Amino acid sequence: MDLRQLTDAIEAVSSRYAASLGVERDDVWHLLKLQEEVGELTQAFLTRTGRARTRGRTPDEIESDFRSELADVLCHVLLLAHHHGVDLQAEVDRKWLRR
């Protein structure tokens, strides 16, 4: 699956989720939701590196939380780009993979 296909699949999930909760996914929602997920990733990282309480979670659960939060951040970056009409595949190719 390429980035465009992944974005389309994530957009479909997010759209259904928002519709079921009556959430309007506008410019502000997309940015704040990404910020929320980055905060959750930060918390998971702090726990994973011993800089925050484990809250009784096992090392496997802590590692799983970290991986899950990374996925959430990626998905919300893709959603934000999609909302603003940015083709991230093209931008990555242009900025990072240009030869």
C-alpha atoms as a PDB file:
ATOM      1  CA  MET A   1       0.000   0.000   0.000  1.00  0.00           C
ATOM      2  CA  ASP A   2       1.401   3.407  -0.905  1.00  0.00           C
ATOM      3  CA  LEU A   3       0.865   6.638   1.013  1.00  0.00           C
ATOM      4  CA  ARG A   4      -2.082   7.716  -1.130  1.00  0.00           C
ATOM      5  CA  GLN A   5      -3.892   4.407  -0.600  1.00  0.00           C
ATOM      6  CA  LEU A   6      -3.112   4.517   3.113  1.00  0.00           C
ATOM      7  CA  THR A   7      -4.464   8.063   3.324  1.00  0.00           C
ATOM      8  CA  ASP A   8      -7.680   7.071   1.558  1.00  0.00           C
ATOM      9  CA  ALA A   9      -8.198   4.127   3.924  1.00  0.00           C
ATOM     10  CA  ILE A  10      -7.519   6.248   7.017  1.00  0.00           C
ATOM     11  CA  GLU A  11      -9.775   9.028   5.737  1.00  0.00           C
ATOM     12  CA  ALA A  12     -12.642   6.554   5.370  1.00  0.00           C
ATOM     13  CA  VAL A  13     -12.203   5.319   8.952  1.00  0.00           C
ATOM     14  CA  SER A  14     -11.918   8.844  10.363  1.00  0.00           C
ATOM     15  CA  SER A  15     -14.943  10.040   8.400  1.00  0.00           C
ATOM     16  CA  ARG A  16     -17.112   7.199   9.725  1.00  0.00           C
ATOM     17  CA  TYR A  17     -15.873   7.772  13.275  1.00  0.00           C
ATOM     18  CA  ALA A  18     -16.576  11.515  13.123  1.00  0.00           C
ATOM     19  CA  ALA A  19     -20.024  10.964  11.626  1.00  0.00           C
ATOM     20  CA  SER A  20     -20.936   8.503  14.366  1.00  0.00           C
ATOM     21  CA  LEU A  21     -19.984  11.070  17.025  1.00  0.00           C
ATOM     22  CA  GLY A  22     -21.282  14.139  15.227  1.00  0.00           C
ATOM     23  CA  VAL A  23     -17.795  15.670  15.060  1.00  0.00           C
ATOM     24  CA  GLU A  24     -17.045  18.349  12.473  1.00  0.00           C
ATOM     25  CA  ARG A  25     -13.544  17.728  11.139  1.00  0.00           C
ATOM     26  CA  ASP A  26     -12.626  21.282  10.201  1.00  0.00           C
ATOM     27  CA  ASP A  27      -9.212  22.984  10.015  1.00  0.00           C
ATOM     28  CA  VAL A  28      -9.049  23.475  13.768  1.00  0.00           C
ATOM     29  CA  TRP A  29     -10.108  19.910  14.601  1.00  0.00           C
ATOM     30  CA  HIS A  30      -7.441  18.422  12.342  1.00  0.00           C
ATOM     31  CA  LEU A  31      -4.640  20.476  13.870  1.00  0.00           C
ATOM     32  CA  LEU A  32      -5.775  20.042  17.477  1.00  0.00           C
ATOM     33  CA  LYS A  33      -6.317  16.311  17.030  1.00  0.00           C
ATOM     34  CA  LEU A  34      -2.762  15.953  15.706  1.00  0.00           C
ATOM     35  CA  GLN A  35      -1.501  17.958  18.678  1.00  0.00           C
ATOM     36  CA  GLU A  36      -3.450  15.694  21.045  1.00  0.00           C
ATOM     37  CA  GLU A  37      -1.888  12.615  19.481  1.00  0.00           C
ATOM     38  CA  VAL A  38       1.619  14.107  19.674  1.00  0.00           C
ATOM     39  CA  GLY A  39       0.978  14.706  23.381  1.00  0.00           C
ATOM     40  CA  GLU A  40      -0.066  11.086  23.834  1.00  0.00           C
ATOM     41  CA  LEU A  41       3.063   9.960  21.973  1.00  0.00           C
ATOM     42  CA  THR A  42       5.155  12.149  24.263  1.00  0.00           C
ATOM     43  CA  GLN A  43       3.554  10.558  27.321  1.00  0.00           C
ATOM     44  CA  ALA A  44       4.142   7.060  25.925  1.00  0.00           C
ATOM     45  CA  PHE A  45       7.774   7.951  25.172  1.00  0.00           C
ATOM     46  CA  LEU A  46       8.320   9.322  28.668  1.00  0.00           C
ATOM     47  CA  THR A  47       6.892   6.158  30.192  1.00  0.00           C
ATOM     48  CA  ARG A  48       8.921   3.951  27.830  1.00  0.00           C
ATOM     49  CA  THR A  49      12.154   5.729  28.777  1.00  0.00           C
ATOM     50  CA  GLY A  50      11.517   5.690  32.522  1.00  0.00           C
ATOM     51  CA  ARG A  51      10.731   9.389  32.779  1.00  0.00           C
ATOM     52  CA  ALA A  52       7.081   8.894  33.782  1.00  0.00           C
ATOM     53  CA  ARG A  53       5.095   6.490  35.928  1.00  0.00           C
ATOM     54  CA  THR A  54       4.171   3.126  34.455  1.00  0.00           C
ATOM     55  CA  ARG A  55       0.711   3.208  36.055  1.00  0.00           C
ATOM     56  CA  GLY A  56       0.997  -0.541  36.558  1.00  0.00           C
ATOM     57  CA  ARG A  57       1.536  -1.346  32.872  1.00  0.00           C
ATOM     58  CA  THR A  58       3.923  -4.114  31.937  1.00  0.00           C
ATOM     59  CA  PRO A  59       6.963  -3.461  29.729  1.00  0.00           C
ATOM     60  CA  ASP A  60       5.103  -5.119  26.821  1.00  0.00           C
ATOM     61  CA  GLU A  61       2.074  -2.869  27.350  1.00  0.00           C
ATOM     62  CA  ILE A  62       4.312   0.192  27.535  1.00  0.00           C
ATOM     63  CA  GLU A  63       6.018  -0.776  24.275  1.00  0.00           C
ATOM     64  CA  SER A  64       2.646  -1.440  22.648  1.00  0.00           C
ATOM     65  CA  ASP A  65       1.369   1.984  23.783  1.00  0.00           C
ATOM     66  CA  PHE A  66       4.412   3.670  22.224  1.00  0.00           C
ATOM     67  CA  ARG A  67       3.955   1.867  18.901  1.00  0.00           C
ATOM     68  CA  SER A  68       0.225   2.642  18.876  1.00  0.00           C
ATOM     69  CA  GLU A  69       0.796   6.327  19.505  1.00  0.00           C
ATOM     70  CA  LEU A  70       3.337   6.485  16.672  1.00  0.00           C
ATOM     71  CA  ALA A  71       0.666   5.051  14.371  1.00  0.00           C
ATOM     72  CA  ASP A  72      -1.892   7.586  15.633  1.00  0.00           C
ATOM     73  CA  VAL A  73       0.463  10.492  14.904  1.00  0.00           C
ATOM     74  CA  LEU A  74       1.185   9.198  11.407  1.00  0.00           C
ATOM     75  CA  CYS A  75      -2.520   8.760  10.685  1.00  0.00           C
ATOM     76  CA  HIS A  76      -3.371  12.253  11.872  1.00  0.00           C
ATOM     77  CA  VAL A  77      -0.561  13.776   9.814  1.00  0.00           C
ATOM     78  CA  LEU A  78      -2.051  12.017   6.782  1.00  0.00           C
ATOM     79  CA  LEU A  79      -5.547  13.253   7.692  1.00  0.00           C
ATOM     80  CA  LEU A  80      -4.327  16.831   8.105  1.00  0.00           C
ATOM     81  CA  ALA A  81      -2.568  16.724   4.733  1.00  0.00           C
ATOM     82  CA  HIS A  82      -5.631  15.218   3.052  1.00  0.00           C
ATOM     83  CA  HIS A  83      -7.895  17.856   4.569  1.00  0.00           C
ATOM     84  CA  HIS A  84      -5.697  20.587   3.092  1.00  0.00           C
ATOM     85  CA  GLY A  85      -5.267  18.895  -0.278  1.00  0.00           C
ATOM     86  CA  VAL A  86      -1.579  18.156   0.202  1.00  0.00           C
ATOM     87  CA  ASP A  87      -0.244  15.113  -1.643  1.00  0.00           C
ATOM     88  CA  LEU A  88       2.279  13.939   0.931  1.00  0.00           C
ATOM     89  CA  GLN A  89       3.666  11.275  -1.388  1.00  0.00           C
ATOM     90  CA  ALA A  90       4.571  13.979  -3.896  1.00  0.00           C
ATOM     91  CA  GLU A  91       5.962  16.230  -1.160  1.00  0.00           C
ATOM     92  CA  VAL A  92       8.126  13.466   0.309  1.00  0.00           C
ATOM     93  CA  ASP A  93       9.375  12.608  -3.151  1.00  0.00           C
ATOM     94  CA  ARG A  94      10.145  16.279  -3.849  1.00  0.00           C
ATOM     95  CA  LYS A  95      11.731  17.186  -0.533  1.00  0.00           C
ATOM     96  CA  TRP A  96      13.305  13.962   0.787  1.00  0.00           C
ATOM     97  CA  LEU A  97      13.860  11.680  -2.181  1.00  0.00           C
ATOM     98  CA  ARG A  98      14.893  14.130  -4.879  1.00  0.00           C
ATOM     99  CA  ARG A  99      17.983  12.881  -6.660  1.00  0.00           C
END
